[in-house]
Amino acid sequence: MQTSAAGRQLIEDFEGLFLHSYYDSVHVLTIGYGHTNIGNIPPYIAPGMQITKEEADQALSNDLAKFEARVMKIMAPVTLQQCEFDALVSFDFNTGDLLSSSIDDDIKSGHVQHAMSTLQLYNHAGGKVLAGLTRRRQAERLMFLGRVDEALKLAKGPQT
């Protein structure tokens, strides 16, 4: 499976597009749509680096390929619906914790509500609850449950 256009949009909306390198809330050097040096996936980021939108799109595609393969491997032999897959890719892309959480086991054993409750707990960074992560976990839950339009609306953030 591959992330759908809606799943990619969810990730892009939450990550934001940064064409210059910056340090995120937990001091990880980041660029593009949440691309880091973790995992040795090109491009390698250096402080002060700049990229084009096209390079950011390619970096996200490269990153997604890694997380798509991880989710498929972690969730095997469960057959996921596209919206479920997209939500889990977004979660793993953001946290890298799908395998170390109980979310995968809960889904495999049919305890989806418990899995979605656990997913909501992953809203901390640097020991603090972050409103953006709380909103992201809510959107991923909506996406997983097939409420794609609601998830994408939430990903856009508060309407001004």
N, C-alpha and C. Protein backbone atom coordinates (compact mmCIF):
# COMPACT_ATOMS: atom_id res chain seq x y z
N MET A 1 0.84 -1.19 0.00
CA MET A 1 0.00 0.00 0.00
C MET A 1 0.88 1.24 0.00
N GLN A 2 0.29 2.30 -0.50
CA GLN A 2 0.93 3.60 -0.46
C GLN A 2 -0.03 4.61 0.16
N THR A 3 0.53 5.64 0.73
CA THR A 3 -0.28 6.70 1.31
C THR A 3 -1.11 7.35 0.23
N SER A 4 -2.38 7.54 0.51
CA SER A 4 -3.28 8.20 -0.46
C SER A 4 -3.01 9.70 -0.48
N ALA A 5 -3.63 10.38 -1.43
CA ALA A 5 -3.51 11.84 -1.51
C ALA A 5 -4.02 12.48 -0.23
N ALA A 6 -5.12 11.95 0.33
CA ALA A 6 -5.66 12.49 1.58
C ALA A 6 -4.70 12.27 2.74
N GLY A 7 -4.09 11.09 2.80
CA GLY A 7 -3.13 10.79 3.86
C GLY A 7 -1.91 11.70 3.77
N ARG A 8 -1.43 11.91 2.56
CA ARG A 8 -0.29 12.80 2.37
C ARG A 8 -0.66 14.22 2.75
N GLN A 9 -1.87 14.64 2.39
CA GLN A 9 -2.31 15.99 2.73
C GLN A 9 -2.35 16.19 4.24
N LEU A 10 -2.83 15.18 4.96
CA LEU A 10 -2.87 15.23 6.41
C LEU A 10 -1.47 15.47 6.97
N ILE A 11 -0.52 14.70 6.49
CA ILE A 11 0.87 14.83 6.95
C ILE A 11 1.43 16.19 6.58
N GLU A 12 1.23 16.62 5.35
CA GLU A 12 1.74 17.92 4.92
C GLU A 12 1.15 19.06 5.76
N ASP A 13 -0.14 19.00 6.02
CA ASP A 13 -0.78 20.06 6.79
C ASP A 13 -0.24 20.13 8.21
N PHE A 14 -0.02 18.99 8.84
CA PHE A 14 0.49 19.01 10.20
C PHE A 14 1.98 19.34 10.26
N GLU A 15 2.75 18.85 9.33
CA GLU A 15 4.19 19.12 9.35
C GLU A 15 4.50 20.55 8.92
N GLY A 16 3.73 21.08 7.99
CA GLY A 16 4.04 22.40 7.43
C GLY A 16 5.21 22.28 6.48
N LEU A 17 5.34 23.24 5.61
CA LEU A 17 6.43 23.25 4.63
C LEU A 17 7.44 24.30 5.03
N PHE A 18 8.66 23.87 5.27
CA PHE A 18 9.76 24.76 5.62
C PHE A 18 10.89 24.53 4.62
N LEU A 19 11.21 25.55 3.87
CA LEU A 19 12.23 25.43 2.83
C LEU A 19 13.63 25.75 3.36
N HIS A 20 13.73 26.01 4.63
CA HIS A 20 15.02 26.23 5.30
C HIS A 20 15.07 25.31 6.52
N SER A 21 16.27 24.90 6.88
CA SER A 21 16.40 24.00 8.03
C SER A 21 16.12 24.76 9.32
N TYR A 22 15.59 24.03 10.29
CA TYR A 22 15.26 24.60 11.60
C TYR A 22 15.29 23.48 12.62
N TYR A 23 15.35 23.86 13.88
CA TYR A 23 15.29 22.87 14.95
C TYR A 23 13.86 22.81 15.47
N ASP A 24 13.29 21.60 15.51
CA ASP A 24 11.90 21.44 15.96
C ASP A 24 11.81 21.58 17.48
N SER A 25 10.63 21.30 18.03
CA SER A 25 10.38 21.52 19.46
C SER A 25 11.24 20.66 20.38
N VAL A 26 11.80 19.58 19.86
CA VAL A 26 12.70 18.75 20.68
C VAL A 26 14.13 18.80 20.14
N HIS A 27 14.43 19.88 19.42
CA HIS A 27 15.77 20.22 18.93
C HIS A 27 16.32 19.21 17.91
N VAL A 28 15.45 18.72 17.03
CA VAL A 28 15.88 17.86 15.92
C VAL A 28 15.93 18.73 14.67
N LEU A 29 17.05 18.71 13.97
CA LEU A 29 17.20 19.48 12.74
C LEU A 29 16.25 18.94 11.69
N THR A 30 15.43 19.83 11.11
CA THR A 30 14.31 19.45 10.25
C THR A 30 14.25 20.39 9.05
N ILE A 31 13.67 19.88 7.96
CA ILE A 31 13.46 20.71 6.75
C ILE A 31 12.29 20.10 5.97
N GLY A 32 11.75 20.87 5.05
CA GLY A 32 10.68 20.36 4.19
C GLY A 32 9.43 20.06 5.00
N TYR A 33 8.82 18.91 4.77
CA TYR A 33 7.65 18.45 5.50
C TYR A 33 8.07 17.49 6.61
N GLY A 34 8.80 17.97 7.59
CA GLY A 34 9.18 17.14 8.72
C GLY A 34 10.33 16.18 8.44
N HIS A 35 11.12 16.45 7.40
CA HIS A 35 12.24 15.57 7.07
C HIS A 35 13.39 15.83 8.05
N THR A 36 13.96 14.75 8.59
CA THR A 36 15.10 14.83 9.50
C THR A 36 16.23 13.95 8.99
N ASN A 37 17.35 14.00 9.68
CA ASN A 37 18.47 13.12 9.32
C ASN A 37 18.31 11.72 9.91
N ILE A 38 17.29 11.52 10.73
CA ILE A 38 17.05 10.21 11.33
C ILE A 38 16.66 9.23 10.22
N GLY A 39 17.35 8.13 10.14
CA GLY A 39 17.05 7.12 9.14
C GLY A 39 17.90 7.20 7.89
N ASN A 40 18.76 8.19 7.81
CA ASN A 40 19.69 8.33 6.68
C ASN A 40 19.00 8.33 5.32
N ILE A 41 17.86 9.00 5.24
CA ILE A 41 17.16 9.13 3.97
C ILE A 41 17.50 10.51 3.41
N PRO A 42 17.98 10.60 2.16
CA PRO A 42 18.35 11.89 1.59
C PRO A 42 17.17 12.85 1.53
N PRO A 43 17.41 14.15 1.55
CA PRO A 43 18.72 14.80 1.64
C PRO A 43 19.22 14.89 3.08
N TYR A 44 20.55 14.95 3.22
CA TYR A 44 21.15 15.17 4.52
C TYR A 44 20.99 16.65 4.86
N ILE A 45 20.54 16.96 6.06
CA ILE A 45 20.26 18.33 6.45
C ILE A 45 21.43 18.91 7.23
N ALA A 46 21.76 20.16 6.91
CA ALA A 46 22.76 20.90 7.66
C ALA A 46 22.14 22.22 8.11
N PRO A 47 22.63 22.78 9.21
CA PRO A 47 22.12 24.09 9.63
C PRO A 47 22.28 25.12 8.51
N GLY A 48 21.27 25.96 8.33
CA GLY A 48 21.31 26.99 7.30
C GLY A 48 20.95 26.51 5.90
N MET A 49 20.64 25.23 5.76
CA MET A 49 20.32 24.65 4.45
C MET A 49 18.98 25.16 3.93
N GLN A 50 18.88 25.27 2.61
CA GLN A 50 17.62 25.62 1.96
C GLN A 50 17.36 24.62 0.84
N ILE A 51 16.07 24.35 0.60
CA ILE A 51 15.67 23.45 -0.49
C ILE A 51 14.50 24.09 -1.23
N THR A 52 14.16 23.52 -2.38
CA THR A 52 13.00 23.97 -3.14
C THR A 52 11.78 23.17 -2.71
N LYS A 53 10.60 23.62 -3.12
CA LYS A 53 9.38 22.87 -2.83
C LYS A 53 9.45 21.49 -3.47
N GLU A 54 9.99 21.40 -4.67
CA GLU A 54 10.12 20.11 -5.36
C GLU A 54 11.02 19.16 -4.57
N GLU A 55 12.10 19.69 -4.01
CA GLU A 55 13.00 18.85 -3.19
C GLU A 55 12.29 18.42 -1.90
N ALA A 56 11.47 19.30 -1.33
CA ALA A 56 10.70 18.95 -0.13
C ALA A 56 9.70 17.85 -0.46
N ASP A 57 9.02 17.96 -1.61
CA ASP A 57 8.07 16.93 -2.03
C ASP A 57 8.77 15.59 -2.21
N GLN A 58 9.95 15.60 -2.82
CA GLN A 58 10.70 14.36 -3.04
C GLN A 58 11.16 13.77 -1.72
N ALA A 59 11.63 14.62 -0.80
CA ALA A 59 12.07 14.13 0.51
C ALA A 59 10.90 13.47 1.24
N LEU A 60 9.71 14.09 1.16
CA LEU A 60 8.54 13.49 1.81
C LEU A 60 8.21 12.15 1.17
N SER A 61 8.26 12.08 -0.14
CA SER A 61 8.00 10.79 -0.82
C SER A 61 8.99 9.72 -0.36
N ASN A 62 10.26 10.10 -0.25
CA ASN A 62 11.28 9.15 0.22
C ASN A 62 10.98 8.70 1.65
N ASP A 63 10.64 9.66 2.51
CA ASP A 63 10.32 9.34 3.90
C ASP A 63 9.09 8.44 3.98
N LEU A 64 8.05 8.79 3.22
CA LEU A 64 6.82 8.01 3.27
C LEU A 64 7.05 6.56 2.85
N ALA A 65 7.90 6.35 1.85
CA ALA A 65 8.18 4.98 1.41
C ALA A 65 8.70 4.14 2.58
N LYS A 66 9.55 4.72 3.40
CA LYS A 66 10.08 4.02 4.57
C LYS A 66 8.96 3.68 5.55
N PHE A 67 8.12 4.66 5.86
CA PHE A 67 7.08 4.45 6.86
C PHE A 67 5.94 3.58 6.33
N GLU A 68 5.66 3.65 5.05
CA GLU A 68 4.67 2.75 4.45
C GLU A 68 5.11 1.30 4.60
N ALA A 69 6.39 1.05 4.31
CA ALA A 69 6.92 -0.32 4.45
C ALA A 69 6.90 -0.76 5.90
N ARG A 70 7.23 0.14 6.82
CA ARG A 70 7.20 -0.20 8.25
C ARG A 70 5.79 -0.57 8.70
N VAL A 71 4.81 0.26 8.31
CA VAL A 71 3.42 -0.01 8.73
C VAL A 71 2.95 -1.33 8.15
N MET A 72 3.26 -1.60 6.90
CA MET A 72 2.85 -2.88 6.29
C MET A 72 3.47 -4.05 7.05
N LYS A 73 4.73 -3.93 7.41
CA LYS A 73 5.41 -5.02 8.12
C LYS A 73 4.86 -5.17 9.54
N ILE A 74 4.70 -4.06 10.24
CA ILE A 74 4.21 -4.10 11.62
C ILE A 74 2.79 -4.66 11.68
N MET A 75 1.95 -4.27 10.74
CA MET A 75 0.54 -4.63 10.79
C MET A 75 0.22 -5.97 10.14
N ALA A 76 1.18 -6.59 9.47
CA ALA A 76 0.93 -7.89 8.85
C ALA A 76 0.49 -8.87 9.92
N PRO A 77 -0.46 -9.72 9.67
CA PRO A 77 -1.18 -10.00 8.43
C PRO A 77 -2.51 -9.26 8.30
N VAL A 78 -2.74 -8.22 9.10
CA VAL A 78 -4.00 -7.48 9.06
C VAL A 78 -4.14 -6.76 7.72
N THR A 79 -5.33 -6.84 7.13
CA THR A 79 -5.62 -6.08 5.92
C THR A 79 -6.24 -4.76 6.36
N LEU A 80 -5.54 -3.67 6.08
CA LEU A 80 -5.99 -2.34 6.47
C LEU A 80 -6.78 -1.68 5.36
N GLN A 81 -7.77 -0.91 5.74
CA GLN A 81 -8.45 -0.02 4.80
C GLN A 81 -7.49 1.14 4.52
N GLN A 82 -7.68 1.83 3.39
CA GLN A 82 -6.78 2.92 3.03
C GLN A 82 -6.73 3.99 4.13
N CYS A 83 -7.86 4.36 4.68
CA CYS A 83 -7.89 5.41 5.71
C CYS A 83 -7.15 4.95 6.98
N GLU A 84 -7.24 3.69 7.32
CA GLU A 84 -6.53 3.15 8.48
C GLU A 84 -5.02 3.19 8.25
N PHE A 85 -4.63 2.76 7.06
CA PHE A 85 -3.22 2.77 6.69
C PHE A 85 -2.66 4.19 6.74
N ASP A 86 -3.39 5.13 6.15
CA ASP A 86 -2.95 6.53 6.12
C ASP A 86 -2.76 7.08 7.52
N ALA A 87 -3.69 6.79 8.42
CA ALA A 87 -3.60 7.27 9.80
C ALA A 87 -2.38 6.69 10.50
N LEU A 88 -2.12 5.41 10.31
CA LEU A 88 -0.98 4.77 10.96
C LEU A 88 0.34 5.25 10.38
N VAL A 89 0.39 5.52 9.09
CA VAL A 89 1.60 6.07 8.48
C VAL A 89 1.86 7.47 9.06
N SER A 90 0.83 8.29 9.17
CA SER A 90 0.99 9.62 9.75
C SER A 90 1.52 9.53 11.18
N PHE A 91 0.93 8.65 11.98
CA PHE A 91 1.36 8.48 13.37
C PHE A 91 2.82 8.03 13.43
N ASP A 92 3.18 7.01 12.66
CA ASP A 92 4.54 6.48 12.71
C ASP A 92 5.53 7.48 12.15
N PHE A 93 5.15 8.20 11.10
CA PHE A 93 6.01 9.25 10.52
C PHE A 93 6.33 10.28 11.59
N ASN A 94 5.34 10.66 12.36
CA ASN A 94 5.52 11.72 13.37
C ASN A 94 6.23 11.22 14.62
N THR A 95 5.97 10.00 15.04
CA THR A 95 6.50 9.52 16.31
C THR A 95 7.58 8.45 16.18
N GLY A 96 7.49 7.63 15.14
CA GLY A 96 8.37 6.47 15.02
C GLY A 96 8.06 5.39 16.05
N ASP A 97 6.88 5.50 16.69
CA ASP A 97 6.57 4.64 17.83
C ASP A 97 5.51 3.58 17.58
N LEU A 98 5.09 3.36 16.35
CA LEU A 98 4.03 2.37 16.14
C LEU A 98 4.44 1.00 16.68
N LEU A 99 5.63 0.58 16.40
CA LEU A 99 6.09 -0.74 16.84
C LEU A 99 6.25 -0.83 18.35
N SER A 100 6.69 0.24 18.98
CA SER A 100 6.93 0.18 20.43
C SER A 100 5.67 0.47 21.25
N SER A 101 4.60 0.92 20.58
CA SER A 101 3.34 1.16 21.28
C SER A 101 2.53 -0.13 21.32
N SER A 102 1.38 -0.08 21.98
CA SER A 102 0.46 -1.22 21.98
C SER A 102 -0.62 -1.06 20.90
N ILE A 103 -0.54 0.02 20.13
CA ILE A 103 -1.57 0.33 19.14
C ILE A 103 -1.70 -0.79 18.12
N ASP A 104 -0.59 -1.27 17.61
CA ASP A 104 -0.63 -2.32 16.60
C ASP A 104 -1.24 -3.60 17.15
N ASP A 105 -0.85 -3.99 18.35
CA ASP A 105 -1.40 -5.21 18.96
C ASP A 105 -2.90 -5.07 19.22
N ASP A 106 -3.32 -3.90 19.69
CA ASP A 106 -4.75 -3.67 19.94
C ASP A 106 -5.56 -3.79 18.64
N ILE A 107 -5.05 -3.20 17.57
CA ILE A 107 -5.76 -3.28 16.28
C ILE A 107 -5.82 -4.73 15.81
N LYS A 108 -4.71 -5.43 15.89
CA LYS A 108 -4.66 -6.84 15.46
C LYS A 108 -5.63 -7.71 16.24
N SER A 109 -5.85 -7.37 17.51
CA SER A 109 -6.74 -8.19 18.33
C SER A 109 -8.17 -7.65 18.34
N GLY A 110 -8.46 -6.66 17.49
CA GLY A 110 -9.82 -6.16 17.36
C GLY A 110 -10.23 -5.12 18.39
N HIS A 111 -9.29 -4.60 19.14
CA HIS A 111 -9.58 -3.59 20.16
C HIS A 111 -9.27 -2.20 19.63
N VAL A 112 -9.99 -1.82 18.59
CA VAL A 112 -9.73 -0.55 17.88
C VAL A 112 -9.95 0.65 18.80
N GLN A 113 -11.02 0.64 19.59
CA GLN A 113 -11.27 1.78 20.48
C GLN A 113 -10.13 1.98 21.47
N HIS A 114 -9.60 0.89 22.01
CA HIS A 114 -8.47 1.01 22.93
C HIS A 114 -7.24 1.53 22.19
N ALA A 115 -7.04 1.04 20.97
CA ALA A 115 -5.91 1.52 20.16
C ALA A 115 -6.02 3.02 19.92
N MET A 116 -7.22 3.49 19.62
CA MET A 116 -7.42 4.92 19.35
C MET A 116 -7.27 5.74 20.64
N SER A 117 -7.64 5.18 21.77
CA SER A 117 -7.43 5.86 23.06
C SER A 117 -5.93 5.98 23.35
N THR A 118 -5.20 4.91 23.08
CA THR A 118 -3.75 4.93 23.28
C THR A 118 -3.09 5.94 22.35
N LEU A 119 -3.52 5.98 21.11
CA LEU A 119 -2.97 6.92 20.13
C LEU A 119 -3.07 8.36 20.66
N GLN A 120 -4.18 8.68 21.33
CA GLN A 120 -4.40 10.03 21.85
C GLN A 120 -3.37 10.42 22.91
N LEU A 121 -2.72 9.44 23.53
CA LEU A 121 -1.73 9.73 24.58
C LEU A 121 -0.41 10.25 24.02
N TYR A 122 -0.21 10.11 22.73
CA TYR A 122 1.05 10.52 22.10
C TYR A 122 0.97 11.99 21.67
N ASN A 123 0.74 12.85 22.65
CA ASN A 123 0.60 14.27 22.36
C ASN A 123 1.62 15.10 23.14
N HIS A 124 2.72 14.47 23.52
CA HIS A 124 3.78 15.13 24.27
C HIS A 124 5.05 15.25 23.42
N ALA A 125 5.77 16.32 23.65
CA ALA A 125 7.12 16.47 23.09
C ALA A 125 7.93 17.24 24.12
N GLY A 126 9.11 16.74 24.40
CA GLY A 126 9.93 17.38 25.41
C GLY A 126 9.27 17.39 26.78
N GLY A 127 8.42 16.39 27.05
CA GLY A 127 7.76 16.28 28.33
C GLY A 127 6.55 17.18 28.51
N LYS A 128 6.14 17.86 27.46
CA LYS A 128 5.00 18.78 27.54
C LYS A 128 3.92 18.37 26.55
N VAL A 129 2.66 18.57 26.96
CA VAL A 129 1.54 18.37 26.04
C VAL A 129 1.55 19.52 25.05
N LEU A 130 1.51 19.20 23.77
CA LEU A 130 1.47 20.22 22.73
C LEU A 130 0.11 20.19 22.04
N ALA A 131 -0.51 21.35 21.94
CA ALA A 131 -1.84 21.45 21.33
C ALA A 131 -1.83 20.91 19.90
N GLY A 132 -0.77 21.18 19.15
CA GLY A 132 -0.69 20.69 17.78
C GLY A 132 -0.65 19.18 17.70
N LEU A 133 0.03 18.54 18.65
CA LEU A 133 0.07 17.08 18.67
C LEU A 133 -1.26 16.50 19.13
N THR A 134 -1.93 17.18 20.05
CA THR A 134 -3.26 16.73 20.47
C THR A 134 -4.21 16.78 19.28
N ARG A 135 -4.16 17.87 18.51
CA ARG A 135 -5.00 18.00 17.31
C ARG A 135 -4.63 16.96 16.25
N ARG A 136 -3.33 16.69 16.10
CA ARG A 136 -2.90 15.70 15.12
C ARG A 136 -3.40 14.31 15.49
N ARG A 137 -3.28 13.93 16.75
CA ARG A 137 -3.76 12.62 17.17
C ARG A 137 -5.27 12.51 16.98
N GLN A 138 -6.01 13.58 17.23
CA GLN A 138 -7.45 13.57 17.00
C GLN A 138 -7.74 13.37 15.51
N ALA A 139 -6.99 14.05 14.66
CA ALA A 139 -7.19 13.92 13.22
C ALA A 139 -6.83 12.51 12.74
N GLU A 140 -5.76 11.94 13.28
CA GLU A 140 -5.37 10.57 12.89
C GLU A 140 -6.45 9.58 13.33
N ARG A 141 -7.03 9.80 14.49
CA ARG A 141 -8.13 8.94 14.95
C ARG A 141 -9.30 9.04 13.98
N LEU A 142 -9.68 10.26 13.61
CA LEU A 142 -10.78 10.45 12.66
C LEU A 142 -10.46 9.77 11.33
N MET A 143 -9.23 9.94 10.86
CA MET A 143 -8.80 9.32 9.60
C MET A 143 -8.92 7.80 9.72
N PHE A 144 -8.41 7.24 10.80
CA PHE A 144 -8.45 5.79 10.98
C PHE A 144 -9.88 5.28 10.94
N LEU A 145 -10.80 6.02 11.53
CA LEU A 145 -12.20 5.61 11.61
C LEU A 145 -12.98 5.92 10.33
N GLY A 146 -12.29 6.40 9.29
CA GLY A 146 -12.93 6.64 8.00
C GLY A 146 -13.56 8.01 7.85
N ARG A 147 -13.34 8.87 8.80
CA ARG A 147 -13.91 10.22 8.76
C ARG A 147 -12.87 11.17 8.17
N VAL A 148 -12.53 10.90 6.92
CA VAL A 148 -11.41 11.55 6.24
C VAL A 148 -11.63 13.05 6.10
N ASP A 149 -12.80 13.48 5.68
CA ASP A 149 -13.05 14.91 5.51
C ASP A 149 -12.91 15.66 6.83
N GLU A 150 -13.40 15.07 7.91
CA GLU A 150 -13.27 15.71 9.23
C GLU A 150 -11.80 15.77 9.65
N ALA A 151 -11.05 14.72 9.36
CA ALA A 151 -9.64 14.69 9.71
C ALA A 151 -8.88 15.78 8.97
N LEU A 152 -9.17 15.92 7.67
CA LEU A 152 -8.48 16.95 6.87
C LEU A 152 -8.86 18.35 7.31
N LYS A 153 -10.10 18.54 7.69
CA LYS A 153 -10.53 19.85 8.18
C LYS A 153 -9.79 20.18 9.48
N LEU A 154 -9.67 19.22 10.37
CA LEU A 154 -8.96 19.43 11.63
C LEU A 154 -7.48 19.71 11.37
N ALA A 155 -6.92 19.06 10.37
CA ALA A 155 -5.50 19.26 10.03
C ALA A 155 -5.23 20.68 9.55
N LYS A 156 -6.22 21.30 8.95
CA LYS A 156 -6.06 22.69 8.47
C LYS A 156 -5.95 23.66 9.64
N GLY A 157 -6.42 23.24 10.83
CA GLY A 157 -6.34 24.09 12.00
C GLY A 157 -7.56 24.95 12.16
N PRO A 158 -7.54 25.77 13.20
CA PRO A 158 -8.69 26.63 13.47
C PRO A 158 -8.92 27.61 12.32
N GLN A 159 -10.16 27.79 11.97
CA GLN A 159 -10.50 28.73 10.90
C GLN A 159 -10.52 30.14 11.48
N THR A 160 -9.87 31.06 10.78
CA THR A 160 -9.83 32.44 11.27
C THR A 160 -10.75 33.33 10.47
